[in-house]
Amino acid sequence: EIKECDWSSDVCSSDLPDFVPTRTDIVPAGQVLSYTTKEFEGMPAGRHVVSFSTDSADGIVVERGITRSAGDSGVITAVSLGAPQVFLGFTRWSMGIGVPRATTAAIIVANLDYLAGTVTVKALGPGGEQPVPGLESITLPPSGVIAIDIPGDAAALGVPLIIESTNRIVVERLLPRADDRPGRSASLALPG
């Protein structure tokens, strides 16, 4: 059975604000459950985070598959592994490979807490960690998702980035592909 609950903080779907859709599914061992966010009635437009948990001692595997147009070459499907349970208690994440050029929505931050918080992006350079100008104390809505643009500031480009928050977060990076190829390369940053 899959329930949208956060057992680590004793918050369950009955405690969530009205705008958070929840559902319970029974998934037999060895079976696959697929769905789209379109299945949730009243889902507002924009980015969303889905949280899964299980009562089973065997655990579950969560993947995200996205199929999009690839221009004249047809369509492309990307599959990303969800964040393992052990990743869910962190307030600091690292990107060892930085962003090569100014990029919109380069960092996606999901707030795992039901309280508002802030996020700061730091660049790691020869002088240590330095906040990226304009990316300090960015508002993080309760249980919300934000997309952070990386500016053309030389201090933020081509260096490892660190994302720190006042709340528990999960961070995904959406890096541009080389040679003007369409799409992005998506992967989780690393906690810690």
N, C-alpha and C. Protein backbone atom coordinates (compact mmCIF):
# COMPACT_ATOMS: atom_id res chain seq x y z
N GLU A 1 0.84 -1.17 0.00
CA GLU A 1 0.00 0.00 0.00
C GLU A 1 0.89 1.24 0.00
N ILE A 2 0.62 2.18 -0.87
CA ILE A 2 1.39 3.41 -0.95
C ILE A 2 0.54 4.52 -0.36
N LYS A 3 1.10 5.24 0.60
CA LYS A 3 0.40 6.36 1.21
C LYS A 3 1.28 7.59 1.12
N GLU A 4 0.67 8.75 0.94
CA GLU A 4 1.44 9.98 0.91
C GLU A 4 1.55 10.50 2.32
N CYS A 5 2.52 10.01 3.06
CA CYS A 5 2.75 10.40 4.44
C CYS A 5 4.23 10.59 4.65
N ASP A 6 4.57 11.40 5.61
CA ASP A 6 5.95 11.58 6.00
C ASP A 6 6.07 11.04 7.42
N TRP A 7 6.43 9.77 7.53
CA TRP A 7 6.45 9.12 8.84
C TRP A 7 7.54 9.70 9.72
N SER A 8 8.60 10.26 9.13
CA SER A 8 9.69 10.78 9.94
C SER A 8 9.25 11.97 10.78
N SER A 9 8.23 12.69 10.36
CA SER A 9 7.77 13.83 11.14
C SER A 9 6.33 13.64 11.63
N ASP A 10 5.83 12.44 11.53
CA ASP A 10 4.47 12.12 11.98
C ASP A 10 3.41 13.01 11.36
N VAL A 11 3.62 13.38 10.11
CA VAL A 11 2.63 14.15 9.37
C VAL A 11 2.05 13.25 8.30
N CYS A 12 0.74 13.13 8.24
CA CYS A 12 0.11 12.26 7.26
C CYS A 12 -0.87 13.08 6.44
N SER A 13 -1.47 12.46 5.44
CA SER A 13 -2.35 13.18 4.52
C SER A 13 -3.50 13.89 5.23
N SER A 14 -3.94 13.37 6.36
CA SER A 14 -5.03 14.02 7.07
C SER A 14 -4.60 15.37 7.66
N ASP A 15 -3.27 15.59 7.80
CA ASP A 15 -2.77 16.83 8.36
C ASP A 15 -2.39 17.86 7.30
N LEU A 16 -2.45 17.49 6.02
CA LEU A 16 -2.00 18.37 4.95
C LEU A 16 -3.03 19.43 4.63
N PRO A 17 -2.59 20.57 4.07
CA PRO A 17 -3.53 21.58 3.61
C PRO A 17 -4.46 20.99 2.54
N ASP A 18 -5.61 21.62 2.34
CA ASP A 18 -6.61 21.11 1.40
C ASP A 18 -6.11 21.00 -0.03
N PHE A 19 -5.14 21.81 -0.43
CA PHE A 19 -4.69 21.81 -1.83
C PHE A 19 -3.77 20.65 -2.17
N VAL A 20 -3.36 19.85 -1.20
CA VAL A 20 -2.46 18.73 -1.47
C VAL A 20 -3.28 17.47 -1.72
N PRO A 21 -3.33 17.00 -2.99
CA PRO A 21 -4.09 15.78 -3.27
C PRO A 21 -3.38 14.55 -2.73
N THR A 22 -4.12 13.62 -2.20
CA THR A 22 -3.54 12.37 -1.70
C THR A 22 -4.30 11.20 -2.28
N ARG A 23 -3.66 10.04 -2.24
CA ARG A 23 -4.33 8.82 -2.67
C ARG A 23 -3.60 7.63 -2.07
N THR A 24 -4.30 6.53 -1.96
CA THR A 24 -3.74 5.29 -1.47
C THR A 24 -3.92 4.24 -2.55
N ASP A 25 -2.86 3.51 -2.86
CA ASP A 25 -2.91 2.46 -3.87
C ASP A 25 -2.36 1.16 -3.28
N ILE A 26 -2.96 0.06 -3.64
CA ILE A 26 -2.44 -1.26 -3.29
C ILE A 26 -1.66 -1.75 -4.50
N VAL A 27 -0.38 -2.05 -4.31
CA VAL A 27 0.48 -2.51 -5.40
C VAL A 27 1.07 -3.85 -4.99
N PRO A 28 0.62 -4.94 -5.63
CA PRO A 28 1.18 -6.26 -5.29
C PRO A 28 2.68 -6.32 -5.57
N ALA A 29 3.39 -7.12 -4.80
CA ALA A 29 4.83 -7.28 -4.98
C ALA A 29 5.16 -7.63 -6.43
N GLY A 30 6.18 -7.01 -6.97
CA GLY A 30 6.62 -7.28 -8.32
C GLY A 30 5.82 -6.58 -9.40
N GLN A 31 4.82 -5.80 -9.02
CA GLN A 31 3.98 -5.10 -10.00
C GLN A 31 4.39 -3.65 -10.13
N VAL A 32 3.91 -3.00 -11.17
CA VAL A 32 4.24 -1.61 -11.46
C VAL A 32 2.96 -0.78 -11.44
N LEU A 33 3.03 0.38 -10.86
CA LEU A 33 1.93 1.34 -10.87
C LEU A 33 2.40 2.57 -11.62
N SER A 34 1.68 2.96 -12.64
CA SER A 34 2.00 4.16 -13.40
C SER A 34 0.85 5.14 -13.30
N TYR A 35 1.17 6.42 -13.27
CA TYR A 35 0.13 7.44 -13.27
C TYR A 35 0.75 8.75 -13.75
N THR A 36 -0.11 9.70 -14.05
CA THR A 36 0.34 11.05 -14.39
C THR A 36 -0.32 12.01 -13.42
N THR A 37 0.26 13.18 -13.29
CA THR A 37 -0.33 14.18 -12.38
C THR A 37 -1.69 14.65 -12.90
N LYS A 38 -1.98 14.41 -14.16
CA LYS A 38 -3.29 14.78 -14.71
C LYS A 38 -4.42 13.99 -14.05
N GLU A 39 -4.09 12.86 -13.41
CA GLU A 39 -5.10 12.05 -12.74
C GLU A 39 -5.61 12.69 -11.45
N PHE A 40 -4.92 13.71 -10.94
CA PHE A 40 -5.35 14.37 -9.72
C PHE A 40 -6.25 15.54 -10.07
N GLU A 41 -7.51 15.41 -9.78
CA GLU A 41 -8.48 16.45 -10.09
C GLU A 41 -8.15 17.73 -9.33
N GLY A 42 -8.21 18.85 -10.03
CA GLY A 42 -7.97 20.14 -9.41
C GLY A 42 -6.49 20.48 -9.23
N MET A 43 -5.61 19.69 -9.81
CA MET A 43 -4.17 19.95 -9.68
C MET A 43 -3.85 21.27 -10.38
N PRO A 44 -3.28 22.23 -9.65
CA PRO A 44 -2.94 23.50 -10.29
C PRO A 44 -1.78 23.33 -11.26
N ALA A 45 -1.66 24.26 -12.19
CA ALA A 45 -0.56 24.22 -13.15
C ALA A 45 0.75 24.47 -12.43
N GLY A 46 1.84 24.01 -13.01
CA GLY A 46 3.16 24.26 -12.44
C GLY A 46 3.89 22.99 -12.05
N ARG A 47 5.01 23.17 -11.39
CA ARG A 47 5.82 22.05 -10.94
C ARG A 47 5.23 21.45 -9.67
N HIS A 48 5.42 20.14 -9.52
CA HIS A 48 4.88 19.45 -8.35
C HIS A 48 5.87 18.41 -7.85
N VAL A 49 5.74 18.06 -6.59
CA VAL A 49 6.52 16.99 -5.98
C VAL A 49 5.53 15.94 -5.49
N VAL A 50 5.87 14.69 -5.70
CA VAL A 50 5.04 13.60 -5.20
C VAL A 50 5.88 12.80 -4.22
N SER A 51 5.33 12.55 -3.06
CA SER A 51 6.03 11.80 -2.03
C SER A 51 5.37 10.43 -1.88
N PHE A 52 6.20 9.39 -1.77
CA PHE A 52 5.70 8.03 -1.62
C PHE A 52 6.25 7.42 -0.36
N SER A 53 5.48 6.57 0.25
CA SER A 53 6.00 5.75 1.35
C SER A 53 5.24 4.44 1.33
N THR A 54 5.74 3.48 2.09
CA THR A 54 5.13 2.17 2.10
C THR A 54 5.15 1.58 3.51
N ASP A 55 4.19 0.72 3.76
CA ASP A 55 4.16 -0.01 5.03
C ASP A 55 4.94 -1.32 4.90
N SER A 56 5.38 -1.64 3.70
CA SER A 56 6.08 -2.89 3.43
C SER A 56 7.54 -2.81 3.86
N ALA A 57 8.04 -3.87 4.45
CA ALA A 57 9.45 -3.93 4.82
C ALA A 57 10.33 -4.07 3.58
N ASP A 58 9.74 -4.47 2.44
CA ASP A 58 10.51 -4.66 1.21
C ASP A 58 10.84 -3.35 0.51
N GLY A 59 10.13 -2.28 0.80
CA GLY A 59 10.38 -1.00 0.17
C GLY A 59 9.79 -0.91 -1.23
N ILE A 60 10.00 0.25 -1.86
CA ILE A 60 9.50 0.50 -3.21
C ILE A 60 10.58 1.22 -4.01
N VAL A 61 10.47 1.15 -5.33
CA VAL A 61 11.33 1.90 -6.24
C VAL A 61 10.45 2.90 -6.96
N VAL A 62 10.87 4.14 -6.98
CA VAL A 62 10.10 5.19 -7.64
C VAL A 62 10.97 5.80 -8.75
N GLU A 63 10.41 5.85 -9.95
CA GLU A 63 11.09 6.47 -11.07
C GLU A 63 10.15 7.47 -11.73
N ARG A 64 10.73 8.46 -12.38
CA ARG A 64 9.95 9.43 -13.13
C ARG A 64 10.33 9.31 -14.59
N GLY A 65 9.34 9.15 -15.43
CA GLY A 65 9.57 9.11 -16.86
C GLY A 65 8.89 10.29 -17.52
N ILE A 66 9.61 10.99 -18.35
CA ILE A 66 9.05 12.15 -19.05
C ILE A 66 9.32 11.98 -20.54
N THR A 67 8.27 12.08 -21.34
CA THR A 67 8.41 12.03 -22.79
C THR A 67 8.06 13.40 -23.34
N ARG A 68 8.97 13.93 -24.16
CA ARG A 68 8.78 15.26 -24.73
C ARG A 68 9.21 15.26 -26.19
N SER A 69 8.78 16.28 -26.89
CA SER A 69 9.18 16.47 -28.28
C SER A 69 10.67 16.75 -28.35
N ALA A 70 11.32 16.19 -29.35
CA ALA A 70 12.75 16.44 -29.59
C ALA A 70 12.92 17.17 -30.91
N GLY A 71 11.95 18.01 -31.24
CA GLY A 71 12.03 18.77 -32.49
C GLY A 71 11.81 17.87 -33.69
N ASP A 72 12.64 18.04 -34.71
CA ASP A 72 12.50 17.27 -35.95
C ASP A 72 12.83 15.79 -35.78
N SER A 73 13.52 15.44 -34.70
CA SER A 73 13.93 14.04 -34.53
C SER A 73 12.90 13.20 -33.78
N GLY A 74 11.72 13.73 -33.54
CA GLY A 74 10.66 12.94 -32.91
C GLY A 74 10.49 13.25 -31.44
N VAL A 75 10.48 12.20 -30.61
CA VAL A 75 10.31 12.37 -29.18
C VAL A 75 11.46 11.70 -28.44
N ILE A 76 11.64 12.12 -27.21
CA ILE A 76 12.66 11.54 -26.37
C ILE A 76 12.06 11.28 -24.99
N THR A 77 12.43 10.16 -24.38
CA THR A 77 11.95 9.83 -23.05
C THR A 77 13.14 9.76 -22.10
N ALA A 78 13.01 10.44 -20.97
CA ALA A 78 14.05 10.41 -19.94
C ALA A 78 13.47 9.77 -18.69
N VAL A 79 14.25 8.93 -18.03
CA VAL A 79 13.83 8.27 -16.80
C VAL A 79 14.81 8.65 -15.70
N SER A 80 14.29 9.15 -14.59
CA SER A 80 15.11 9.52 -13.44
C SER A 80 14.66 8.73 -12.23
N LEU A 81 15.60 8.28 -11.44
CA LEU A 81 15.28 7.58 -10.20
C LEU A 81 14.85 8.62 -9.17
N GLY A 82 13.85 8.30 -8.40
CA GLY A 82 13.41 9.19 -7.33
C GLY A 82 14.44 9.23 -6.21
N ALA A 83 14.29 10.19 -5.32
CA ALA A 83 15.22 10.33 -4.20
C ALA A 83 14.99 9.21 -3.19
N PRO A 84 16.02 8.43 -2.89
CA PRO A 84 15.86 7.37 -1.89
C PRO A 84 15.50 7.94 -0.53
N GLN A 85 14.87 7.17 0.30
CA GLN A 85 14.42 7.60 1.62
C GLN A 85 15.56 8.22 2.43
N VAL A 86 16.77 7.68 2.29
CA VAL A 86 17.89 8.21 3.07
C VAL A 86 18.28 9.62 2.65
N PHE A 87 17.81 10.11 1.51
CA PHE A 87 18.09 11.46 1.05
C PHE A 87 17.15 12.50 1.64
N LEU A 88 16.12 12.10 2.35
CA LEU A 88 15.02 13.01 2.67
C LEU A 88 15.18 13.84 3.93
N GLY A 89 16.30 13.79 4.61
CA GLY A 89 16.44 14.56 5.83
C GLY A 89 17.45 15.68 5.74
N PHE A 90 17.83 16.07 4.53
CA PHE A 90 18.94 17.00 4.36
C PHE A 90 18.49 18.43 4.07
N THR A 91 19.25 19.38 4.58
CA THR A 91 19.02 20.80 4.33
C THR A 91 20.13 21.39 3.47
N ARG A 92 21.11 20.56 3.11
CA ARG A 92 22.25 21.01 2.30
C ARG A 92 22.49 19.98 1.19
N TRP A 93 22.61 20.46 -0.05
CA TRP A 93 22.84 19.61 -1.22
C TRP A 93 23.98 20.20 -2.04
N SER A 94 24.70 19.33 -2.74
CA SER A 94 25.86 19.78 -3.53
C SER A 94 25.74 19.34 -4.98
N MET A 95 26.20 20.20 -5.87
CA MET A 95 26.28 19.91 -7.30
C MET A 95 27.76 19.97 -7.68
N GLY A 96 28.41 18.82 -7.82
CA GLY A 96 29.83 18.78 -8.15
C GLY A 96 30.13 19.32 -9.54
N ILE A 97 29.15 19.22 -10.42
CA ILE A 97 29.29 19.77 -11.77
C ILE A 97 28.40 21.00 -11.85
N GLY A 98 29.01 22.15 -12.03
CA GLY A 98 28.26 23.39 -12.05
C GLY A 98 27.59 23.65 -13.38
N VAL A 99 26.98 24.78 -13.46
CA VAL A 99 26.25 25.20 -14.66
C VAL A 99 27.22 25.96 -15.57
N PRO A 100 27.35 25.56 -16.85
CA PRO A 100 28.36 26.18 -17.72
C PRO A 100 28.01 27.58 -18.21
N ARG A 101 26.73 27.91 -18.23
CA ARG A 101 26.30 29.23 -18.71
C ARG A 101 25.00 29.63 -18.00
N ALA A 102 24.64 30.89 -18.11
CA ALA A 102 23.39 31.35 -17.49
C ALA A 102 22.25 30.44 -17.95
N THR A 103 21.46 29.95 -17.00
CA THR A 103 20.44 28.97 -17.32
C THR A 103 19.19 29.22 -16.49
N THR A 104 18.03 29.28 -17.16
CA THR A 104 16.78 29.40 -16.41
C THR A 104 16.41 28.04 -15.84
N ALA A 105 15.80 28.05 -14.68
CA ALA A 105 15.33 26.84 -14.01
C ALA A 105 16.41 25.75 -13.95
N ALA A 106 17.63 26.15 -13.60
CA ALA A 106 18.74 25.20 -13.53
C ALA A 106 18.68 24.32 -12.28
N ILE A 107 18.07 24.85 -11.22
CA ILE A 107 17.99 24.12 -9.95
C ILE A 107 16.53 24.08 -9.52
N ILE A 108 16.04 22.87 -9.27
CA ILE A 108 14.68 22.69 -8.79
C ILE A 108 14.77 22.26 -7.32
N VAL A 109 14.09 22.97 -6.45
CA VAL A 109 14.14 22.69 -5.02
C VAL A 109 12.74 22.36 -4.53
N ALA A 110 12.61 21.19 -3.91
CA ALA A 110 11.33 20.76 -3.33
C ALA A 110 11.43 20.85 -1.82
N ASN A 111 10.49 21.57 -1.22
CA ASN A 111 10.43 21.72 0.23
C ASN A 111 9.68 20.52 0.80
N LEU A 112 10.34 19.73 1.61
CA LEU A 112 9.71 18.55 2.19
C LEU A 112 8.95 18.86 3.48
N ASP A 113 9.07 20.08 3.94
CA ASP A 113 8.40 20.48 5.18
C ASP A 113 7.14 21.27 4.87
N TYR A 114 6.26 21.30 5.83
CA TYR A 114 4.98 21.97 5.67
C TYR A 114 5.04 23.40 6.20
N LEU A 115 6.25 23.95 6.24
CA LEU A 115 6.48 25.31 6.70
C LEU A 115 7.28 26.06 5.64
N ALA A 116 7.08 27.37 5.57
CA ALA A 116 7.86 28.19 4.66
C ALA A 116 9.31 28.21 5.13
N GLY A 117 10.22 28.42 4.20
CA GLY A 117 11.64 28.49 4.53
C GLY A 117 12.36 29.33 3.51
N THR A 118 13.68 29.23 3.52
CA THR A 118 14.50 29.94 2.55
C THR A 118 15.57 29.01 2.00
N VAL A 119 16.09 29.38 0.82
CA VAL A 119 17.16 28.65 0.15
C VAL A 119 18.23 29.65 -0.25
N THR A 120 19.48 29.26 -0.09
CA THR A 120 20.61 30.06 -0.54
C THR A 120 21.50 29.19 -1.42
N VAL A 121 21.91 29.74 -2.56
CA VAL A 121 22.82 29.04 -3.47
C VAL A 121 24.21 29.64 -3.28
N LYS A 122 25.19 28.74 -3.06
CA LYS A 122 26.58 29.17 -2.89
C LYS A 122 27.44 28.55 -3.98
N ALA A 123 28.48 29.29 -4.37
CA ALA A 123 29.47 28.78 -5.32
C ALA A 123 30.69 28.35 -4.52
N LEU A 124 31.30 27.25 -4.94
CA LEU A 124 32.51 26.76 -4.28
C LEU A 124 33.70 27.08 -5.16
N GLY A 125 34.53 27.99 -4.70
CA GLY A 125 35.69 28.40 -5.47
C GLY A 125 36.96 28.32 -4.64
N PRO A 126 38.04 28.91 -5.14
CA PRO A 126 39.32 28.86 -4.42
C PRO A 126 39.24 29.45 -3.01
N GLY A 127 38.35 30.42 -2.81
CA GLY A 127 38.21 31.05 -1.50
C GLY A 127 37.19 30.37 -0.61
N GLY A 128 36.69 29.21 -1.02
CA GLY A 128 35.68 28.50 -0.24
C GLY A 128 34.28 28.79 -0.74
N GLU A 129 33.30 28.57 0.11
CA GLU A 129 31.89 28.78 -0.26
C GLU A 129 31.55 30.26 -0.18
N GLN A 130 30.91 30.76 -1.25
CA GLN A 130 30.46 32.15 -1.29
C GLN A 130 29.04 32.20 -1.83
N PRO A 131 28.11 32.91 -1.16
CA PRO A 131 26.77 33.04 -1.71
C PRO A 131 26.80 33.67 -3.10
N VAL A 132 25.97 33.15 -3.99
CA VAL A 132 25.85 33.73 -5.33
C VAL A 132 24.99 34.98 -5.20
N PRO A 133 25.49 36.15 -5.63
CA PRO A 133 24.71 37.38 -5.50
C PRO A 133 23.31 37.23 -6.11
N GLY A 134 22.31 37.62 -5.34
CA GLY A 134 20.92 37.54 -5.78
C GLY A 134 20.26 36.20 -5.50
N LEU A 135 21.04 35.21 -5.05
CA LEU A 135 20.47 33.90 -4.77
C LEU A 135 20.59 33.56 -3.28
N GLU A 136 20.44 34.57 -2.45
CA GLU A 136 20.48 34.39 -1.01
C GLU A 136 19.08 34.51 -0.44
N SER A 137 18.74 33.63 0.48
CA SER A 137 17.45 33.67 1.19
C SER A 137 16.26 33.74 0.25
N ILE A 138 16.24 32.88 -0.75
CA ILE A 138 15.12 32.79 -1.69
C ILE A 138 13.94 32.15 -0.94
N THR A 139 12.76 32.72 -1.07
CA THR A 139 11.59 32.20 -0.38
C THR A 139 11.22 30.82 -0.90
N LEU A 140 10.99 29.90 0.03
CA LEU A 140 10.59 28.53 -0.27
C LEU A 140 9.22 28.30 0.36
N PRO A 141 8.17 28.16 -0.47
CA PRO A 141 6.82 28.03 0.10
C PRO A 141 6.64 26.68 0.81
N PRO A 142 5.71 26.61 1.75
CA PRO A 142 5.46 25.35 2.47
C PRO A 142 5.10 24.24 1.48
N SER A 143 5.76 23.11 1.59
CA SER A 143 5.52 21.95 0.71
C SER A 143 5.57 22.34 -0.77
N GLY A 144 6.29 23.38 -1.09
CA GLY A 144 6.30 23.91 -2.45
C GLY A 144 7.54 23.52 -3.23
N VAL A 145 7.53 23.91 -4.50
CA VAL A 145 8.64 23.66 -5.41
C VAL A 145 9.01 24.98 -6.06
N ILE A 146 10.31 25.26 -6.12
CA ILE A 146 10.75 26.46 -6.82
C ILE A 146 11.81 26.08 -7.86
N ALA A 147 11.89 26.88 -8.91
CA ALA A 147 12.91 26.75 -9.94
C ALA A 147 13.83 27.96 -9.81
N ILE A 148 15.12 27.71 -9.71
CA ILE A 148 16.09 28.79 -9.52
C ILE A 148 16.89 28.97 -10.81
N ASP A 149 16.92 30.19 -11.30
CA ASP A 149 17.73 30.55 -12.46
C ASP A 149 19.16 30.82 -12.00
N ILE A 150 20.13 30.35 -12.76
CA ILE A 150 21.53 30.67 -12.48
C ILE A 150 21.91 31.83 -13.40
N PRO A 151 22.34 32.94 -12.79
CA PRO A 151 22.66 34.13 -13.60
C PRO A 151 23.98 33.98 -14.33
N GLY A 152 24.28 34.93 -15.19
CA GLY A 152 25.53 34.94 -15.94
C GLY A 152 26.71 35.43 -15.11
N ASP A 153 26.54 35.55 -13.81
CA ASP A 153 27.61 35.98 -12.91
C ASP A 153 28.76 34.98 -12.98
N ALA A 154 29.95 35.47 -13.31
CA ALA A 154 31.10 34.58 -13.48
C ALA A 154 31.37 33.72 -12.25
N ALA A 155 31.04 34.23 -11.05
CA ALA A 155 31.29 33.47 -9.81
C ALA A 155 30.41 32.23 -9.71
N ALA A 156 29.29 32.19 -10.46
CA ALA A 156 28.34 31.08 -10.36
C ALA A 156 28.49 30.06 -11.48
N LEU A 157 29.32 30.35 -12.46
CA LEU A 157 29.39 29.49 -13.65
C LEU A 157 30.61 28.57 -13.63
N GLY A 158 30.38 27.32 -13.98
CA GLY A 158 31.47 26.36 -14.12
C GLY A 158 32.12 25.93 -12.83
N VAL A 159 31.48 26.21 -11.70
CA VAL A 159 32.03 25.80 -10.40
C VAL A 159 30.98 24.96 -9.67
N PRO A 160 31.42 24.13 -8.73
CA PRO A 160 30.43 23.39 -7.93
C PRO A 160 29.51 24.35 -7.19
N LEU A 161 28.24 23.96 -7.07
CA LEU A 161 27.26 24.77 -6.36
C LEU A 161 26.75 24.02 -5.14
N ILE A 162 26.44 24.77 -4.10
CA ILE A 162 25.89 24.22 -2.87
C ILE A 162 24.56 24.91 -2.61
N ILE A 163 23.54 24.12 -2.30
CA ILE A 163 22.21 24.66 -2.04
C ILE A 163 21.91 24.36 -0.58
N GLU A 164 21.68 25.42 0.21
CA GLU A 164 21.36 25.27 1.62
C GLU A 164 19.99 25.84 1.90
N SER A 165 19.28 25.23 2.84
CA SER A 165 17.93 25.67 3.17
C SER A 165 17.71 25.63 4.67
N THR A 166 16.72 26.36 5.10
CA THR A 166 16.28 26.29 6.49
C THR A 166 15.39 25.09 6.71
N ASN A 167 14.97 24.43 5.63
CA ASN A 167 14.06 23.27 5.69
C ASN A 167 14.70 22.05 5.05
N ARG A 168 14.06 20.90 5.24
CA ARG A 168 14.49 19.69 4.54
C ARG A 168 14.07 19.83 3.08
N ILE A 169 15.01 19.56 2.17
CA ILE A 169 14.74 19.75 0.75
C ILE A 169 15.28 18.58 -0.06
N VAL A 170 14.81 18.49 -1.30
CA VAL A 170 15.40 17.63 -2.32
C VAL A 170 15.73 18.56 -3.49
N VAL A 171 16.91 18.38 -4.06
CA VAL A 171 17.39 19.28 -5.13
C VAL A 171 17.68 18.48 -6.39
N GLU A 172 17.11 18.95 -7.48
CA GLU A 172 17.38 18.37 -8.80
C GLU A 172 18.06 19.44 -9.64
N ARG A 173 19.02 19.03 -10.43
CA ARG A 173 19.67 19.98 -11.33
C ARG A 173 19.22 19.69 -12.75
N LEU A 174 18.97 20.74 -13.50
CA LEU A 174 18.57 20.64 -14.90
C LEU A 174 19.60 21.38 -15.73
N LEU A 175 20.64 20.68 -16.12
CA LEU A 175 21.73 21.32 -16.84
C LEU A 175 21.49 21.32 -18.34
N PRO A 176 21.89 22.40 -19.02
CA PRO A 176 21.74 22.44 -20.47
C PRO A 176 22.66 21.42 -21.11
N ARG A 177 22.21 20.89 -22.25
CA ARG A 177 23.05 19.94 -22.98
C ARG A 177 24.05 20.69 -23.83
N ALA A 178 25.11 20.02 -24.19
CA ALA A 178 26.18 20.65 -24.98
C ALA A 178 25.75 20.81 -26.44
N ASP A 179 26.47 21.66 -27.12
CA ASP A 179 26.31 21.83 -28.57
C ASP A 179 24.90 22.18 -29.00
N ASP A 180 24.21 22.97 -28.21
CA ASP A 180 22.87 23.46 -28.55
C ASP A 180 21.85 22.36 -28.79
N ARG A 181 22.08 21.16 -28.25
CA ARG A 181 21.08 20.10 -28.37
C ARG A 181 19.89 20.47 -27.51
N PRO A 182 18.68 20.10 -27.93
CA PRO A 182 17.50 20.47 -27.14
C PRO A 182 17.42 19.68 -25.84
N GLY A 183 16.67 20.22 -24.89
CA GLY A 183 16.42 19.52 -23.64
C GLY A 183 17.47 19.80 -22.59
N ARG A 184 17.29 19.12 -21.48
CA ARG A 184 18.17 19.27 -20.33
C ARG A 184 18.60 17.90 -19.83
N SER A 185 19.68 17.89 -19.11
CA SER A 185 20.14 16.70 -18.42
C SER A 185 19.70 16.82 -16.97
N ALA A 186 18.79 15.97 -16.53
CA ALA A 186 18.25 16.07 -15.17
C ALA A 186 18.82 14.97 -14.28
N SER A 187 19.22 15.37 -13.08
CA SER A 187 19.67 14.41 -12.09
C SER A 187 19.60 15.05 -10.71
N LEU A 188 19.56 14.21 -9.71
CA LEU A 188 19.56 14.73 -8.34
C LEU A 188 20.92 15.28 -8.01
N ALA A 189 20.95 16.36 -7.23
CA ALA A 189 22.19 16.79 -6.62
C ALA A 189 22.47 15.77 -5.51
N LEU A 190 23.56 15.93 -4.79
CA LEU A 190 23.89 14.99 -3.73
C LEU A 190 23.68 15.65 -2.37
N PRO A 191 23.04 14.94 -1.46
CA PRO A 191 22.83 15.53 -0.14
C PRO A 191 24.14 15.67 0.62
N GLY A 192 24.23 16.71 1.39
CA GLY A 192 25.41 16.92 2.24
C GLY A 192 26.31 18.01 1.73
